[in-house]
Every structure is written in structure tokens, then in C-alpha cells.
Amino acid sequence: MKKLSILLFLLCIVAIGAIKKQSSHQDKVNSLLLYNIEALAAGESMRPVMCLGKGSIDCPASHDKVDYVAGGYSLEEWR
């Protein structure tokens, strides 16, 4: 009976440890995955929709210096 109690106690400790490790596991998103999602969302052409103002950022469509570039789908800011 004593061996069974010790075995059951150790089994419970292992089960609690496994559950705790599984619940504390955090999924981290890889930056390569985000770039792939952005590329799929952008399609074939990466032309911006609008270039606004006058500033120091190059507009990809007209190569003028602008303040803001508003584009399609992106996970990053242009500025």
C-alpha cells in the first residue's frame, strides 16, 4: 500500500509538471512569417495608393520627396 501511494504521488507530480509546462508555453510569431503574410497580402504590385505632402520620404511611384506614403496592406509603418 505504501509503494502504491508513493507511485501515485509521483505520477501526480509528473502530471502537474507536464500540465504547467504546456500551459506556460507561449507562441512567438517569427518575423519571417510576418514578411510572408505581408507579401501575400500585397499581391504582384507594390504601388502606393497616395503620396501626400512635401518632406523627406521618397514616393515609390513618382520618386518625389513626400511627407507621407499611404499604401495597401502593410505590417510596418512607412515613416
PDB file of N, CA and C in Angstrom:
ATOM      1  N   MET A   1       0.816  -1.185   0.000  1.00  0.00           N
ATOM      2  CA  MET A   1       0.000   0.000   0.000  1.00  0.00           C
ATOM      3  C   MET A   1       0.867   1.259   0.000  1.00  0.00           C
ATOM      4  N   LYS A   2       1.981   1.216   0.726  1.00  0.00           N
ATOM      5  CA  LYS A   2       2.873   2.372   0.800  1.00  0.00           C
ATOM      6  C   LYS A   2       3.521   2.641  -0.560  1.00  0.00           C
ATOM      7  N   LYS A   3       3.910   1.576  -1.270  1.00  0.00           N
ATOM      8  CA  LYS A   3       4.518   1.735  -2.593  1.00  0.00           C
ATOM      9  C   LYS A   3       3.510   2.311  -3.581  1.00  0.00           C
ATOM     10  N   LEU A   4       2.277   1.896  -3.480  1.00  0.00           N
ATOM     11  CA  LEU A   4       1.231   2.404  -4.361  1.00  0.00           C
ATOM     12  C   LEU A   4       0.978   3.894  -4.109  1.00  0.00           C
ATOM     13  N   SER A   5       1.003   4.301  -2.854  1.00  0.00           N
ATOM     14  CA  SER A   5       0.812   5.715  -2.501  1.00  0.00           C
ATOM     15  C   SER A   5       1.952   6.568  -3.030  1.00  0.00           C
ATOM     16  N   ILE A   6       3.169   6.084  -2.912  1.00  0.00           N
ATOM     17  CA  ILE A   6       4.338   6.822  -3.401  1.00  0.00           C
ATOM     18  C   ILE A   6       4.299   6.912  -4.918  1.00  0.00           C
ATOM     19  N   LEU A   7       3.937   5.808  -5.569  1.00  0.00           N
ATOM     20  CA  LEU A   7       3.837   5.793  -7.026  1.00  0.00           C
ATOM     21  C   LEU A   7       2.759   6.760  -7.513  1.00  0.00           C
ATOM     22  N   LEU A   8       1.619   6.768  -6.852  1.00  0.00           N
ATOM     23  CA  LEU A   8       0.528   7.673  -7.203  1.00  0.00           C
ATOM     24  C   LEU A   8       0.938   9.129  -6.980  1.00  0.00           C
ATOM     25  N   PHE A   9       1.656   9.394  -5.886  1.00  0.00           N
ATOM     26  CA  PHE A   9       2.138  10.751  -5.603  1.00  0.00           C
ATOM     27  C   PHE A   9       3.109  11.222  -6.696  1.00  0.00           C
ATOM     28  N   LEU A  10       4.041  10.371  -7.094  1.00  0.00           N
ATOM     29  CA  LEU A  10       4.999  10.739  -8.132  1.00  0.00           C
ATOM     30  C   LEU A  10       4.307  10.932  -9.485  1.00  0.00           C
ATOM     31  N   LEU A  11       3.322  10.115  -9.780  1.00  0.00           N
ATOM     32  CA  LEU A  11       2.563  10.259 -11.011  1.00  0.00           C
ATOM     33  C   LEU A  11       1.810  11.597 -11.043  1.00  0.00           C
ATOM     34  N   CYS A  12       1.249  11.976  -9.916  1.00  0.00           N
ATOM     35  CA  CYS A  12       0.561  13.279  -9.828  1.00  0.00           C
ATOM     36  C   CYS A  12       1.540  14.434 -10.013  1.00  0.00           C
ATOM     37  N   ILE A  13       2.717  14.344  -9.436  1.00  0.00           N
ATOM     38  CA  ILE A  13       3.734  15.396  -9.574  1.00  0.00           C
ATOM     39  C   ILE A  13       4.148  15.535 -11.034  1.00  0.00           C
ATOM     40  N   VAL A  14       4.367  14.419 -11.729  1.00  0.00           N
ATOM     41  CA  VAL A  14       4.749  14.454 -13.138  1.00  0.00           C
ATOM     42  C   VAL A  14       3.621  15.039 -13.975  1.00  0.00           C
ATOM     43  N   ALA A  15       2.377  14.660 -13.698  1.00  0.00           N
ATOM     44  CA  ALA A  15       1.237  15.178 -14.449  1.00  0.00           C
ATOM     45  C   ALA A  15       1.074  16.681 -14.241  1.00  0.00           C
ATOM     46  N   ILE A  16       1.213  17.141 -13.012  1.00  0.00           N
ATOM     47  CA  ILE A  16       1.109  18.584 -12.722  1.00  0.00           C
ATOM     48  C   ILE A  16       2.221  19.345 -13.427  1.00  0.00           C
ATOM     49  N   GLY A  17       3.433  18.807 -13.421  1.00  0.00           N
ATOM     50  CA  GLY A  17       4.551  19.458 -14.113  1.00  0.00           C
ATOM     51  C   GLY A  17       4.333  19.546 -15.613  1.00  0.00           C
ATOM     52  N   ALA A  18       3.796  18.472 -16.203  1.00  0.00           N
ATOM     53  CA  ALA A  18       3.543  18.473 -17.646  1.00  0.00           C
ATOM     54  C   ALA A  18       2.446  19.473 -18.010  1.00  0.00           C
ATOM     55  N   ILE A  19       1.400  19.543 -17.206  1.00  0.00           N
ATOM     56  CA  ILE A  19       0.316  20.500 -17.468  1.00  0.00           C
ATOM     57  C   ILE A  19       0.804  21.929 -17.313  1.00  0.00           C
ATOM     58  N   LYS A  20       1.615  22.176 -16.306  1.00  0.00           N
ATOM     59  CA  LYS A  20       2.142  23.530 -16.083  1.00  0.00           C
ATOM     60  C   LYS A  20       3.050  23.960 -17.233  1.00  0.00           C
ATOM     61  N   LYS A  21       3.881  23.049 -17.720  1.00  0.00           N
ATOM     62  CA  LYS A  21       4.772  23.381 -18.835  1.00  0.00           C
ATOM     63  C   LYS A  21       3.971  23.650 -20.106  1.00  0.00           C
ATOM     64  N   GLN A  22       2.942  22.859 -20.352  1.00  0.00           N
ATOM     65  CA  GLN A  22       2.112  23.037 -21.537  1.00  0.00           C
ATOM     66  C   GLN A  22       1.357  24.363 -21.483  1.00  0.00           C
ATOM     67  N   SER A  23       0.858  24.738 -20.317  1.00  0.00           N
ATOM     68  CA  SER A  23       0.080  25.975 -20.215  1.00  0.00           C
ATOM     69  C   SER A  23       0.964  27.219 -20.246  1.00  0.00           C
ATOM     70  N   SER A  24       2.230  27.102 -19.868  1.00  0.00           N
ATOM     71  CA  SER A  24       3.108  28.271 -19.867  1.00  0.00           C
ATOM     72  C   SER A  24       3.801  28.482 -21.205  1.00  0.00           C
ATOM     73  N   HIS A  25       3.601  27.564 -22.154  1.00  0.00           N
ATOM     74  CA  HIS A  25       4.211  27.682 -23.477  1.00  0.00           C
ATOM     75  C   HIS A  25       3.564  28.828 -24.242  1.00  0.00           C
ATOM     76  N   GLN A  26       4.371  29.778 -24.693  1.00  0.00           N
ATOM     77  CA  GLN A  26       3.856  30.929 -25.428  1.00  0.00           C
ATOM     78  C   GLN A  26       4.315  30.836 -26.875  1.00  0.00           C
ATOM     79  N   ASP A  27       3.380  31.062 -27.790  1.00  0.00           N
ATOM     80  CA  ASP A  27       3.720  31.059 -29.205  1.00  0.00           C
ATOM     81  C   ASP A  27       4.326  32.402 -29.586  1.00  0.00           C
ATOM     82  N   LYS A  28       5.474  32.370 -30.213  1.00  0.00           N
ATOM     83  CA  LYS A  28       6.120  33.587 -30.672  1.00  0.00           C
ATOM     84  C   LYS A  28       6.039  33.617 -32.190  1.00  0.00           C
ATOM     85  N   VAL A  29       5.630  34.759 -32.723  1.00  0.00           N
ATOM     86  CA  VAL A  29       5.495  34.903 -34.165  1.00  0.00           C
ATOM     87  C   VAL A  29       6.850  35.303 -34.740  1.00  0.00           C
ATOM     88  N   ASN A  30       7.303  34.556 -35.694  1.00  0.00           N
ATOM     89  CA  ASN A  30       8.573  34.802 -36.349  1.00  0.00           C
ATOM     90  C   ASN A  30       8.429  35.981 -37.315  1.00  0.00           C
ATOM     91  N   SER A  31       9.438  36.829 -37.408  1.00  0.00           N
ATOM     92  CA  SER A  31       9.370  37.981 -38.305  1.00  0.00           C
ATOM     93  C   SER A  31       9.304  37.536 -39.767  1.00  0.00           C
ATOM     94  N   LEU A  32       9.912  36.406 -40.097  1.00  0.00           N
ATOM     95  CA  LEU A  32       9.825  35.889 -41.465  1.00  0.00           C
ATOM     96  C   LEU A  32       8.384  35.543 -41.821  1.00  0.00           C
ATOM     97  N   LEU A  33       7.634  35.015 -40.865  1.00  0.00           N
ATOM     98  CA  LEU A  33       6.223  34.725 -41.089  1.00  0.00           C
ATOM     99  C   LEU A  33       5.453  36.005 -41.381  1.00  0.00           C
ATOM    100  N   LEU A  34       5.755  37.085 -40.652  1.00  0.00           N
ATOM    101  CA  LEU A  34       5.071  38.362 -40.899  1.00  0.00           C
ATOM    102  C   LEU A  34       5.412  38.916 -42.277  1.00  0.00           C
ATOM    103  N   TYR A  35       6.646  38.778 -42.717  1.00  0.00           N
ATOM    104  CA  TYR A  35       7.024  39.247 -44.046  1.00  0.00           C
ATOM    105  C   TYR A  35       6.316  38.432 -45.140  1.00  0.00           C
ATOM    106  N   ASN A  36       6.161  37.133 -44.908  1.00  0.00           N
ATOM    107  CA  ASN A  36       5.453  36.304 -45.880  1.00  0.00           C
ATOM    108  C   ASN A  36       3.983  36.692 -45.965  1.00  0.00           C
ATOM    109  N   ILE A  37       3.359  36.966 -44.831  1.00  0.00           N
ATOM    110  CA  ILE A  37       1.962  37.393 -44.821  1.00  0.00           C
ATOM    111  C   ILE A  37       1.820  38.720 -45.549  1.00  0.00           C
ATOM    112  N   GLU A  38       2.741  39.632 -45.314  1.00  0.00           N
ATOM    113  CA  GLU A  38       2.704  40.930 -45.982  1.00  0.00           C
ATOM    114  C   GLU A  38       2.863  40.768 -47.495  1.00  0.00           C
ATOM    115  N   ALA A  39       3.763  39.885 -47.908  1.00  0.00           N
ATOM    116  CA  ALA A  39       3.979  39.668 -49.344  1.00  0.00           C
ATOM    117  C   ALA A  39       2.750  39.052 -50.000  1.00  0.00           C
ATOM    118  N   LEU A  40       2.100  38.136 -49.317  1.00  0.00           N
ATOM    119  CA  LEU A  40       0.887  37.533 -49.876  1.00  0.00           C
ATOM    120  C   LEU A  40      -0.253  38.543 -49.950  1.00  0.00           C
ATOM    121  N   ALA A  41      -0.348  39.426 -48.973  1.00  0.00           N
ATOM    122  CA  ALA A  41      -1.421  40.419 -48.965  1.00  0.00           C
ATOM    123  C   ALA A  41      -1.191  41.500 -50.005  1.00  0.00           C
ATOM    124  N   ALA A  42       0.069  41.792 -50.328  1.00  0.00           N
ATOM    125  CA  ALA A  42       0.381  42.873 -51.259  1.00  0.00           C
ATOM    126  C   ALA A  42       0.092  42.500 -52.704  1.00  0.00           C
ATOM    127  N   GLY A  43       0.151  41.245 -53.048  1.00  0.00           N
ATOM    128  CA  GLY A  43      -0.080  40.836 -54.430  1.00  0.00           C
ATOM    129  C   GLY A  43       1.155  41.052 -55.283  1.00  0.00           C
ATOM    130  N   GLU A  44       0.934  41.287 -56.563  1.00  0.00           N
ATOM    131  CA  GLU A  44       2.042  41.404 -57.506  1.00  0.00           C
ATOM    132  C   GLU A  44       2.648  42.796 -57.551  1.00  0.00           C
ATOM    133  N   SER A  45       1.861  43.820 -57.383  1.00  0.00           N
ATOM    134  CA  SER A  45       2.392  45.185 -57.475  1.00  0.00           C
ATOM    135  C   SER A  45       2.429  45.830 -56.099  1.00  0.00           C
ATOM    136  N   MET A  46       3.487  46.546 -55.829  1.00  0.00           N
ATOM    137  CA  MET A  46       3.645  47.225 -54.551  1.00  0.00           C
ATOM    138  C   MET A  46       3.521  48.743 -54.725  1.00  0.00           C
ATOM    139  N   ARG A  47       2.646  49.201 -55.587  1.00  0.00           N
ATOM    140  CA  ARG A  47       2.463  50.625 -55.802  1.00  0.00           C
ATOM    141  C   ARG A  47       1.667  51.238 -54.661  1.00  0.00           C
ATOM    142  N   PRO A  48       2.105  52.372 -54.133  1.00  0.00           N
ATOM    143  CA  PRO A  48       1.325  53.016 -53.077  1.00  0.00           C
ATOM    144  C   PRO A  48       0.066  53.653 -53.643  1.00  0.00           C
ATOM    145  N   VAL A  49      -0.902  53.835 -52.801  1.00  0.00           N
ATOM    146  CA  VAL A  49      -2.153  54.450 -53.214  1.00  0.00           C
ATOM    147  C   VAL A  49      -1.992  55.961 -53.294  1.00  0.00           C
ATOM    148  N   MET A  50      -1.347  56.541 -52.293  1.00  0.00           N
ATOM    149  CA  MET A  50      -1.204  58.002 -52.233  1.00  0.00           C
ATOM    150  C   MET A  50       0.145  58.408 -51.656  1.00  0.00           C
ATOM    151  N   CYS A  51       0.667  59.505 -52.161  1.00  0.00           N
ATOM    152  CA  CYS A  51       1.830  60.162 -51.591  1.00  0.00           C
ATOM    153  C   CYS A  51       1.386  61.579 -51.248  1.00  0.00           C
ATOM    154  N   LEU A  52       1.535  61.965 -49.977  1.00  0.00           N
ATOM    155  CA  LEU A  52       0.997  63.244 -49.515  1.00  0.00           C
ATOM    156  C   LEU A  52       2.081  64.155 -48.969  1.00  0.00           C
ATOM    157  N   GLY A  53       1.919  65.441 -49.212  1.00  0.00           N
ATOM    158  CA  GLY A  53       2.789  66.460 -48.636  1.00  0.00           C
ATOM    159  C   GLY A  53       4.145  66.564 -49.299  1.00  0.00           C
ATOM    160  N   LYS A  54       4.967  67.400 -48.727  1.00  0.00           N
ATOM    161  CA  LYS A  54       6.344  67.558 -49.180  1.00  0.00           C
ATOM    162  C   LYS A  54       7.240  67.328 -47.984  1.00  0.00           C
ATOM    163  N   GLY A  55       8.162  66.379 -48.106  1.00  0.00           N
ATOM    164  CA  GLY A  55       9.016  66.037 -46.979  1.00  0.00           C
ATOM    165  C   GLY A  55      10.278  65.352 -47.422  1.00  0.00           C
ATOM    166  N   SER A  56      10.704  64.355 -46.672  1.00  0.00           N
ATOM    167  CA  SER A  56      11.984  63.708 -46.936  1.00  0.00           C
ATOM    168  C   SER A  56      11.861  62.231 -47.310  1.00  0.00           C
ATOM    169  N   ILE A  57      10.644  61.718 -47.479  1.00  0.00           N
ATOM    170  CA  ILE A  57      10.448  60.313 -47.833  1.00  0.00           C
ATOM    171  C   ILE A  57      10.256  60.202 -49.340  1.00  0.00           C
ATOM    172  N   ASP A  58      10.925  59.230 -49.964  1.00  0.00           N
ATOM    173  CA  ASP A  58      10.771  59.022 -51.406  1.00  0.00           C
ATOM    174  C   ASP A  58       9.452  58.328 -51.697  1.00  0.00           C
ATOM    175  N   CYS A  59       8.688  58.884 -52.631  1.00  0.00           N
ATOM    176  CA  CYS A  59       7.462  58.248 -53.097  1.00  0.00           C
ATOM    177  C   CYS A  59       7.861  57.183 -54.115  1.00  0.00           C
ATOM    178  N   PRO A  60       7.486  55.898 -53.897  1.00  0.00           N
ATOM    179  CA  PRO A  60       7.896  54.847 -54.832  1.00  0.00           C
ATOM    180  C   PRO A  60       7.303  54.999 -56.236  1.00  0.00           C
ATOM    181  N   ALA A  61       6.182  55.680 -56.376  1.00  0.00           N
ATOM    182  CA  ALA A  61       5.548  55.814 -57.689  1.00  0.00           C
ATOM    183  C   ALA A  61       6.180  56.927 -58.509  1.00  0.00           C
ATOM    184  N   SER A  62       6.366  58.112 -57.913  1.00  0.00           N
ATOM    185  CA  SER A  62       6.855  59.266 -58.681  1.00  0.00           C
ATOM    186  C   SER A  62       8.290  59.664 -58.340  1.00  0.00           C
ATOM    187  N   HIS A  63       8.873  59.071 -57.305  1.00  0.00           N
ATOM    188  CA  HIS A  63      10.230  59.373 -56.832  1.00  0.00           C
ATOM    189  C   HIS A  63      10.379  60.822 -56.374  1.00  0.00           C
ATOM    190  N   ASP A  64       9.268  61.458 -55.977  1.00  0.00           N
ATOM    191  CA  ASP A  64       9.316  62.790 -55.376  1.00  0.00           C
ATOM    192  C   ASP A  64       9.510  62.646 -53.875  1.00  0.00           C
ATOM    193  N   LYS A  65       9.976  63.728 -53.245  1.00  0.00           N
ATOM    194  CA  LYS A  65      10.109  63.746 -51.797  1.00  0.00           C
ATOM    195  C   LYS A  65       8.756  64.129 -51.196  1.00  0.00           C
ATOM    196  N   VAL A  66       8.197  63.253 -50.365  1.00  0.00           N
ATOM    197  CA  VAL A  66       6.882  63.485 -49.775  1.00  0.00           C
ATOM    198  C   VAL A  66       6.957  63.311 -48.263  1.00  0.00           C
ATOM    199  N   ASP A  67       5.863  63.692 -47.583  1.00  0.00           N
ATOM    200  CA  ASP A  67       5.800  63.588 -46.137  1.00  0.00           C
ATOM    201  C   ASP A  67       5.206  62.247 -45.704  1.00  0.00           C
ATOM    202  N   TYR A  68       4.174  61.778 -46.422  1.00  0.00           N
ATOM    203  CA  TYR A  68       3.507  60.525 -46.086  1.00  0.00           C
ATOM    204  C   TYR A  68       3.335  59.661 -47.329  1.00  0.00           C
ATOM    205  N   VAL A  69       3.467  58.346 -47.149  1.00  0.00           N
ATOM    206  CA  VAL A  69       3.183  57.391 -48.204  1.00  0.00           C
ATOM    207  C   VAL A  69       2.105  56.459 -47.663  1.00  0.00           C
ATOM    208  N   ALA A  70       0.934  56.459 -48.304  1.00  0.00           N
ATOM    209  CA  ALA A  70      -0.168  55.591 -47.895  1.00  0.00           C
ATOM    210  C   ALA A  70      -0.266  54.460 -48.902  1.00  0.00           C
ATOM    211  N   GLY A  71      -0.106  53.237 -48.421  1.00  0.00           N
ATOM    212  CA  GLY A  71      -0.120  52.097 -49.316  1.00  0.00           C
ATOM    213  C   GLY A  71      -1.201  51.108 -48.967  1.00  0.00           C
ATOM    214  N   GLY A  72      -1.136  49.969 -49.622  1.00  0.00           N
ATOM    215  CA  GLY A  72      -2.112  48.915 -49.408  1.00  0.00           C
ATOM    216  C   GLY A  72      -1.917  48.240 -48.068  1.00  0.00           C
ATOM    217  N   TYR A  73      -1.800  46.946 -48.065  1.00  0.00           N
ATOM    218  CA  TYR A  73      -1.658  46.191 -46.837  1.00  0.00           C
ATOM    219  C   TYR A  73      -0.198  46.183 -46.406  1.00  0.00           C
ATOM    220  N   SER A  74       0.038  46.513 -45.154  1.00  0.00           N
ATOM    221  CA  SER A  74       1.393  46.512 -44.649  1.00  0.00           C
ATOM    222  C   SER A  74       1.372  46.279 -43.146  1.00  0.00           C
ATOM    223  N   LEU A  75       2.372  45.580 -42.642  1.00  0.00           N
ATOM    224  CA  LEU A  75       2.502  45.363 -41.211  1.00  0.00           C
ATOM    225  C   LEU A  75       3.510  46.322 -40.587  1.00  0.00           C
ATOM    226  N   GLU A  76       4.096  47.192 -41.399  1.00  0.00           N
ATOM    227  CA  GLU A  76       5.074  48.150 -40.915  1.00  0.00           C
ATOM    228  C   GLU A  76       4.646  49.553 -41.305  1.00  0.00           C
ATOM    229  N   GLU A  77       5.153  50.517 -40.569  1.00  0.00           N
ATOM    230  CA  GLU A  77       4.899  51.915 -40.904  1.00  0.00           C
ATOM    231  C   GLU A  77       5.935  52.370 -41.915  1.00  0.00           C
ATOM    232  N   TRP A  78       5.537  53.264 -42.796  1.00  0.00           N
ATOM    233  CA  TRP A  78       6.456  53.786 -43.801  1.00  0.00           C
ATOM    234  C   TRP A  78       7.363  54.844 -43.206  1.00  0.00           C
ATOM    235  N   ARG A  79       6.902  55.486 -42.181  1.00  0.00           N
ATOM    236  CA  ARG A  79       7.651  56.607 -41.653  1.00  0.00           C
ATOM    237  C   ARG A  79       8.465  56.229 -40.483  1.00  0.00           C
TER     238      ARG A  79
END
